[in-house]
PDB file of all heavy atoms in Angstrom:
ATOM      1  N   THR A   1       0.796  -1.214  -0.013  1.00  0.00           N
ATOM      2  CA  THR A   1       0.013  -0.038   0.021  1.00  0.00           C
ATOM      3  C   THR A   1       0.881   1.244   0.015  1.00  0.00           C
ATOM      4  O   THR A   1       1.885   1.323   0.754  1.00  0.00           O
ATOM      5  CB  THR A   1      -0.891  -0.019   1.221  1.00  0.00           C
ATOM      6  OG1 THR A   1      -1.730  -1.135   1.225  1.00  0.00           O
ATOM      7  CG2 THR A   1      -1.861   1.243   1.275  1.00  0.00           C
ATOM      8  N   ASN A   2       0.480   2.213  -0.839  1.00  0.00           N
ATOM      9  CA  ASN A   2       1.271   3.495  -0.855  1.00  0.00           C
ATOM     10  C   ASN A   2       1.073   4.207   0.442  1.00  0.00           C
ATOM     11  O   ASN A   2      -0.065   4.475   0.884  1.00  0.00           O
ATOM     12  CB  ASN A   2       0.708   4.321  -1.996  1.00  0.00           C
ATOM     13  CG  ASN A   2       1.428   5.603  -2.205  1.00  0.00           C
ATOM     14  OD1 ASN A   2       2.005   6.139  -1.255  1.00  0.00           O
ATOM     15  ND2 ASN A   2       1.315   6.181  -3.389  1.00  0.00           N
ATOM     16  N   PRO A   3       2.163   4.555   1.162  1.00  0.00           N
ATOM     17  CA  PRO A   3       2.002   5.261   2.463  1.00  0.00           C
ATOM     18  C   PRO A   3       1.266   6.602   2.363  1.00  0.00           C
ATOM     19  O   PRO A   3       0.582   6.988   3.269  1.00  0.00           O
ATOM     20  CB  PRO A   3       3.405   5.529   2.919  1.00  0.00           C
ATOM     21  CG  PRO A   3       4.278   4.505   2.104  1.00  0.00           C
ATOM     22  CD  PRO A   3       3.569   4.273   0.844  1.00  0.00           C
ATOM     23  N   SER A   4       1.340   7.221   1.184  1.00  0.00           N
ATOM     24  CA  SER A   4       0.601   8.462   0.983  1.00  0.00           C
ATOM     25  C   SER A   4      -0.870   8.278   0.972  1.00  0.00           C
ATOM     26  O   SER A   4      -1.640   9.268   1.105  1.00  0.00           O
ATOM     27  CB  SER A   4       1.060   9.158  -0.312  1.00  0.00           C
ATOM     28  OG  SER A   4       2.423   9.434  -0.266  1.00  0.00           O
ATOM     29  N   SER A   5      -1.346   7.062   0.721  1.00  0.00           N
ATOM     30  CA  SER A   5      -2.780   6.826   0.529  1.00  0.00           C
ATOM     31  C   SER A   5      -3.520   7.161   1.825  1.00  0.00           C
ATOM     32  O   SER A   5      -4.783   7.307   1.741  1.00  0.00           O
ATOM     33  CB  SER A   5      -3.029   5.397   0.036  1.00  0.00           C
ATOM     34  OG  SER A   5      -2.688   4.465   1.068  1.00  0.00           O
ATOM     35  N   ILE A   6      -2.934   7.137   2.925  1.00  0.00           N
ATOM     36  CA  ILE A   6      -3.696   7.358   4.184  1.00  0.00           C
ATOM     37  C   ILE A   6      -4.213   8.811   4.223  1.00  0.00           C
ATOM     38  O   ILE A   6      -5.187   9.107   5.007  1.00  0.00           O
ATOM     39  CB  ILE A   6      -2.867   7.074   5.421  1.00  0.00           C
ATOM     40  CG1 ILE A   6      -1.685   7.961   5.540  1.00  0.00           C
ATOM     41  CG2 ILE A   6      -2.545   5.606   5.539  1.00  0.00           C
ATOM     42  CD1 ILE A   6      -0.960   7.869   6.940  1.00  0.00           C
ATOM     43  N   SER A   7      -3.745   9.712   3.404  1.00  0.00           N
ATOM     44  CA  SER A   7      -4.195  11.079   3.374  1.00  0.00           C
ATOM     45  C   SER A   7      -4.976  11.447   2.053  1.00  0.00           C
ATOM     46  O   SER A   7      -5.350  12.590   1.824  1.00  0.00           O
ATOM     47  CB  SER A   7      -3.040  12.038   3.554  1.00  0.00           C
ATOM     48  OG  SER A   7      -2.150  11.937   2.499  1.00  0.00           O
ATOM     49  N   TYR A   8      -5.195  10.371   1.237  1.00  0.00           N
ATOM     50  CA  TYR A   8      -5.908  10.620  -0.049  1.00  0.00           C
ATOM     51  C   TYR A   8      -7.302  11.034   0.130  1.00  0.00           C
ATOM     52  O   TYR A   8      -8.008  10.559   1.036  1.00  0.00           O
ATOM     53  CB  TYR A   8      -5.931   9.352  -0.941  1.00  0.00           C
ATOM     54  CG  TYR A   8      -4.644   9.004  -1.579  1.00  0.00           C
ATOM     55  CD1 TYR A   8      -4.547   7.870  -2.341  1.00  0.00           C
ATOM     56  CD2 TYR A   8      -3.533   9.792  -1.565  1.00  0.00           C
ATOM     57  CE1 TYR A   8      -3.390   7.495  -3.015  1.00  0.00           C
ATOM     58  CE2 TYR A   8      -2.363   9.522  -2.273  1.00  0.00           C
ATOM     59  CZ  TYR A   8      -2.296   8.325  -2.966  1.00  0.00           C
ATOM     60  OH  TYR A   8      -1.139   8.011  -3.611  1.00  0.00           O
ATOM     61  N   VAL A   9      -7.809  11.941  -0.715  1.00  0.00           N
ATOM     62  CA  VAL A   9      -9.206  12.229  -0.772  1.00  0.00           C
ATOM     63  C   VAL A   9      -9.784  11.477  -2.042  1.00  0.00           C
ATOM     64  O   VAL A   9      -9.033  10.911  -2.820  1.00  0.00           O
ATOM     65  CB  VAL A   9      -9.469  13.748  -0.882  1.00  0.00           C
ATOM     66  CG1 VAL A   9      -9.035  14.472   0.345  1.00  0.00           C
ATOM     67  CG2 VAL A   9      -8.754  14.372  -2.085  1.00  0.00           C
ATOM     68  N   GLU A  10     -11.085  11.528  -2.252  1.00  0.00           N
ATOM     69  CA  GLU A  10     -11.670  10.738  -3.304  1.00  0.00           C
ATOM     70  C   GLU A  10     -11.019  11.022  -4.707  1.00  0.00           C
ATOM     71  O   GLU A  10     -10.828  10.106  -5.464  1.00  0.00           O
ATOM     72  CB  GLU A  10     -13.150  11.058  -3.424  1.00  0.00           C
ATOM     73  CG  GLU A  10     -13.901  10.605  -2.241  1.00  0.00           C
ATOM     74  CD  GLU A  10     -15.283  11.191  -2.102  1.00  0.00           C
ATOM     75  OE1 GLU A  10     -15.696  11.979  -3.014  1.00  0.00           O
ATOM     76  OE2 GLU A  10     -15.909  10.997  -1.025  1.00  0.00           O
ATOM     77  N   GLU A  11     -10.706  12.263  -4.978  1.00  0.00           N
ATOM     78  CA  GLU A  11     -10.135  12.575  -6.259  1.00  0.00           C
ATOM     79  C   GLU A  11      -8.696  11.964  -6.431  1.00  0.00           C
ATOM     80  O   GLU A  11      -8.388  11.474  -7.528  1.00  0.00           O
ATOM     81  CB  GLU A  11     -10.039  14.085  -6.389  1.00  0.00           C
ATOM     82  CG  GLU A  11      -9.554  14.540  -7.780  1.00  0.00           C
ATOM     83  CD  GLU A  11     -10.535  14.164  -8.967  1.00  0.00           C
ATOM     84  OE1 GLU A  11     -11.662  13.728  -8.667  1.00  0.00           O
ATOM     85  OE2 GLU A  11     -10.148  14.413 -10.079  1.00  0.00           O
ATOM     86  N   ASP A  12      -7.892  11.836  -5.373  1.00  0.00           N
ATOM     87  CA  ASP A  12      -6.673  11.212  -5.432  1.00  0.00           C
ATOM     88  C   ASP A  12      -6.799   9.716  -5.765  1.00  0.00           C
ATOM     89  O   ASP A  12      -6.044   9.199  -6.583  1.00  0.00           O
ATOM     90  CB  ASP A  12      -5.920  11.327  -4.093  1.00  0.00           C
ATOM     91  CG  ASP A  12      -5.608  12.760  -3.683  1.00  0.00           C
ATOM     92  OD1 ASP A  12      -5.346  13.581  -4.612  1.00  0.00           O
ATOM     93  OD2 ASP A  12      -5.612  13.041  -2.478  1.00  0.00           O
ATOM     94  N   VAL A  13      -7.827   9.090  -5.127  1.00  0.00           N
ATOM     95  CA  VAL A  13      -8.033   7.701  -5.361  1.00  0.00           C
ATOM     96  C   VAL A  13      -8.491   7.477  -6.823  1.00  0.00           C
ATOM     97  O   VAL A  13      -7.986   6.542  -7.462  1.00  0.00           O
ATOM     98  CB  VAL A  13      -9.174   7.157  -4.398  1.00  0.00           C
ATOM     99  CG1 VAL A  13      -9.552   5.716  -4.741  1.00  0.00           C
ATOM    100  CG2 VAL A  13      -8.699   7.310  -2.959  1.00  0.00           C
ATOM    101  N   ARG A  14      -9.364   8.334  -7.283  1.00  0.00           N
ATOM    102  CA  ARG A  14      -9.827   8.206  -8.726  1.00  0.00           C
ATOM    103  C   ARG A  14      -8.697   8.302  -9.694  1.00  0.00           C
ATOM    104  O   ARG A  14      -8.607   7.528 -10.587  1.00  0.00           O
ATOM    105  CB  ARG A  14     -10.931   9.286  -8.983  1.00  0.00           C
ATOM    106  CG  ARG A  14     -11.492   9.108 -10.400  1.00  0.00           C
ATOM    107  CD  ARG A  14     -12.360  10.242 -10.744  1.00  0.00           C
ATOM    108  NE  ARG A  14     -11.618  11.533 -10.879  1.00  0.00           N
ATOM    109  CZ  ARG A  14     -10.935  11.804 -11.965  1.00  0.00           C
ATOM    110  NH1 ARG A  14     -10.810  10.985 -13.009  1.00  0.00           N
ATOM    111  NH2 ARG A  14     -10.298  12.972 -12.084  1.00  0.00           N
ATOM    112  N   LYS A  15      -7.837   9.283  -9.443  1.00  0.00           N
ATOM    113  CA  LYS A  15      -6.706   9.432 -10.382  1.00  0.00           C
ATOM    114  C   LYS A  15      -5.803   8.244 -10.397  1.00  0.00           C
ATOM    115  O   LYS A  15      -5.297   7.837 -11.461  1.00  0.00           O
ATOM    116  CB  LYS A  15      -5.888  10.690 -10.019  1.00  0.00           C
ATOM    117  CG  LYS A  15      -6.574  11.981 -10.297  1.00  0.00           C
ATOM    118  CD  LYS A  15      -5.757  13.177  -9.823  1.00  0.00           C
ATOM    119  CE  LYS A  15      -6.458  14.467 -10.066  1.00  0.00           C
ATOM    120  NZ  LYS A  15      -5.703  15.642  -9.560  1.00  0.00           N
ATOM    121  N   ARG A  16      -5.513   7.644  -9.224  1.00  0.00           N
ATOM    122  CA  ARG A  16      -4.581   6.517  -9.174  1.00  0.00           C
ATOM    123  C   ARG A  16      -5.260   5.262  -9.858  1.00  0.00           C
ATOM    124  O   ARG A  16      -4.612   4.522 -10.567  1.00  0.00           O
ATOM    125  CB  ARG A  16      -4.312   6.129  -7.688  1.00  0.00           C
ATOM    126  CG  ARG A  16      -3.517   7.199  -6.908  1.00  0.00           C
ATOM    127  CD  ARG A  16      -2.206   7.504  -7.518  1.00  0.00           C
ATOM    128  NE  ARG A  16      -1.410   8.422  -6.755  1.00  0.00           N
ATOM    129  CZ  ARG A  16      -1.575   9.788  -6.877  1.00  0.00           C
ATOM    130  NH1 ARG A  16      -2.439  10.312  -7.625  1.00  0.00           N
ATOM    131  NH2 ARG A  16      -0.820  10.617  -6.182  1.00  0.00           N
ATOM    132  N   LEU A  17      -6.578   5.083  -9.623  1.00  0.00           N
ATOM    133  CA  LEU A  17      -7.248   4.014 -10.242  1.00  0.00           C
ATOM    134  C   LEU A  17      -7.317   4.127 -11.757  1.00  0.00           C
ATOM    135  O   LEU A  17      -7.009   3.193 -12.465  1.00  0.00           O
ATOM    136  CB  LEU A  17      -8.655   3.881  -9.660  1.00  0.00           C
ATOM    137  CG  LEU A  17      -9.372   2.576  -9.926  1.00  0.00           C
ATOM    138  CD1 LEU A  17      -8.592   1.374  -9.448  1.00  0.00           C
ATOM    139  CD2 LEU A  17     -10.740   2.557  -9.389  1.00  0.00           C
ATOM    140  N   LEU A  18      -7.632   5.325 -12.269  1.00  0.00           N
ATOM    141  CA  LEU A  18      -7.687   5.542 -13.740  1.00  0.00           C
ATOM    142  C   LEU A  18      -6.294   5.339 -14.339  1.00  0.00           C
ATOM    143  O   LEU A  18      -6.188   4.827 -15.496  1.00  0.00           O
ATOM    144  CB  LEU A  18      -8.103   6.955 -14.057  1.00  0.00           C
ATOM    145  CG  LEU A  18      -9.561   7.212 -14.364  1.00  0.00           C
ATOM    146  CD1 LEU A  18     -10.372   7.336 -13.159  1.00  0.00           C
ATOM    147  CD2 LEU A  18      -9.668   8.428 -15.248  1.00  0.00           C
ATOM    148  N   ALA A  19      -5.304   5.641 -13.663  1.00  0.00           N
ATOM    149  CA  ALA A  19      -3.869   5.464 -14.137  1.00  0.00           C
ATOM    150  C   ALA A  19      -3.350   4.016 -14.066  1.00  0.00           C
ATOM    151  O   ALA A  19      -2.274   3.749 -14.470  1.00  0.00           O
ATOM    152  CB  ALA A  19      -2.923   6.363 -13.433  1.00  0.00           C
ATOM    153  N   GLY A  20      -4.160   3.170 -13.429  1.00  0.00           N
ATOM    154  CA  GLY A  20      -3.757   1.768 -13.246  1.00  0.00           C
ATOM    155  C   GLY A  20      -2.649   1.603 -12.131  1.00  0.00           C
ATOM    156  O   GLY A  20      -1.963   0.674 -12.060  1.00  0.00           O
ATOM    157  N   GLN A  21      -2.730   2.563 -11.209  1.00  0.00           N
ATOM    158  CA  GLN A  21      -1.752   2.573 -10.122  1.00  0.00           C
ATOM    159  C   GLN A  21      -2.315   2.056  -8.768  1.00  0.00           C
ATOM    160  O   GLN A  21      -1.719   2.177  -7.761  1.00  0.00           O
ATOM    161  CB  GLN A  21      -1.192   3.943  -9.918  1.00  0.00           C
ATOM    162  CG  GLN A  21      -0.433   4.513 -11.159  1.00  0.00           C
ATOM    163  CD  GLN A  21      -0.040   5.969 -10.985  1.00  0.00           C
ATOM    164  OE1 GLN A  21      -0.559   6.696 -10.172  1.00  0.00           O
ATOM    165  NE2 GLN A  21       0.910   6.403 -11.811  1.00  0.00           N
ATOM    166  N   ALA A  22      -3.591   1.595  -8.838  1.00  0.00           N
ATOM    167  CA  ALA A  22      -4.221   1.044  -7.672  1.00  0.00           C
ATOM    168  C   ALA A  22      -4.889  -0.251  -8.011  1.00  0.00           C
ATOM    169  O   ALA A  22      -5.532  -0.341  -9.121  1.00  0.00           O
ATOM    170  CB  ALA A  22      -5.224   2.083  -7.096  1.00  0.00           C
ATOM    171  N   ALA A  23      -4.828  -1.233  -7.154  1.00  0.00           N
ATOM    172  CA  ALA A  23      -5.464  -2.487  -7.365  1.00  0.00           C
ATOM    173  C   ALA A  23      -6.958  -2.428  -7.033  1.00  0.00           C
ATOM    174  O   ALA A  23      -7.769  -3.143  -7.679  1.00  0.00           O
ATOM    175  CB  ALA A  23      -4.813  -3.598  -6.586  1.00  0.00           C
ATOM    176  N   PHE A  24      -7.312  -1.602  -6.141  1.00  0.00           N
ATOM    177  CA  PHE A  24      -8.739  -1.502  -5.784  1.00  0.00           C
ATOM    178  C   PHE A  24      -8.962  -0.169  -5.107  1.00  0.00           C
ATOM    179  O   PHE A  24      -8.095   0.536  -4.646  1.00  0.00           O
ATOM    180  CB  PHE A  24      -9.151  -2.626  -4.786  1.00  0.00           C
ATOM    181  CG  PHE A  24      -8.392  -2.687  -3.553  1.00  0.00           C
ATOM    182  CD1 PHE A  24      -8.799  -1.924  -2.424  1.00  0.00           C
ATOM    183  CD2 PHE A  24      -7.194  -3.403  -3.362  1.00  0.00           C
ATOM    184  CE1 PHE A  24      -8.132  -1.986  -1.178  1.00  0.00           C
ATOM    185  CE2 PHE A  24      -6.522  -3.432  -2.162  1.00  0.00           C
ATOM    186  CZ  PHE A  24      -7.004  -2.700  -1.052  1.00  0.00           C
ATOM    187  N   ALA A  25     -10.241   0.202  -5.030  1.00  0.00           N
ATOM    188  CA  ALA A  25     -10.675   1.378  -4.372  1.00  0.00           C
ATOM    189  C   ALA A  25     -11.997   1.147  -3.693  1.00  0.00           C
ATOM    190  O   ALA A  25     -12.904   0.578  -4.285  1.00  0.00           O
ATOM    191  CB  ALA A  25     -10.809   2.542  -5.328  1.00  0.00           C
ATOM    192  N   SER A  26     -12.099   1.541  -2.457  1.00  0.00           N
ATOM    193  CA  SER A  26     -13.385   1.423  -1.771  1.00  0.00           C
ATOM    194  C   SER A  26     -14.010   2.824  -1.828  1.00  0.00           C
ATOM    195  O   SER A  26     -13.704   3.649  -0.967  1.00  0.00           O
ATOM    196  CB  SER A  26     -13.260   0.963  -0.317  1.00  0.00           C
ATOM    197  OG  SER A  26     -12.383   1.780   0.370  1.00  0.00           O
ATOM    198  N   ASN A  27     -14.822   3.058  -2.830  1.00  0.00           N
ATOM    199  CA  ASN A  27     -15.321   4.384  -3.065  1.00  0.00           C
ATOM    200  C   ASN A  27     -16.689   4.346  -3.685  1.00  0.00           C
ATOM    201  O   ASN A  27     -17.248   3.232  -3.908  1.00  0.00           O
ATOM    202  CB  ASN A  27     -14.348   5.140  -4.008  1.00  0.00           C
ATOM    203  CG  ASN A  27     -14.216   6.604  -3.665  1.00  0.00           C
ATOM    204  OD1 ASN A  27     -15.177   7.256  -3.319  1.00  0.00           O
ATOM    205  ND2 ASN A  27     -13.015   7.068  -3.791  1.00  0.00           N
TER     206      ASN A  27
END
């Protein structure tokens, strides 16, 4: 897990998922 993810907001999660940089998102 990316250590920065603990401070992500929804938009950060969406950007990572769209870029293929996240395996999952609970959103």
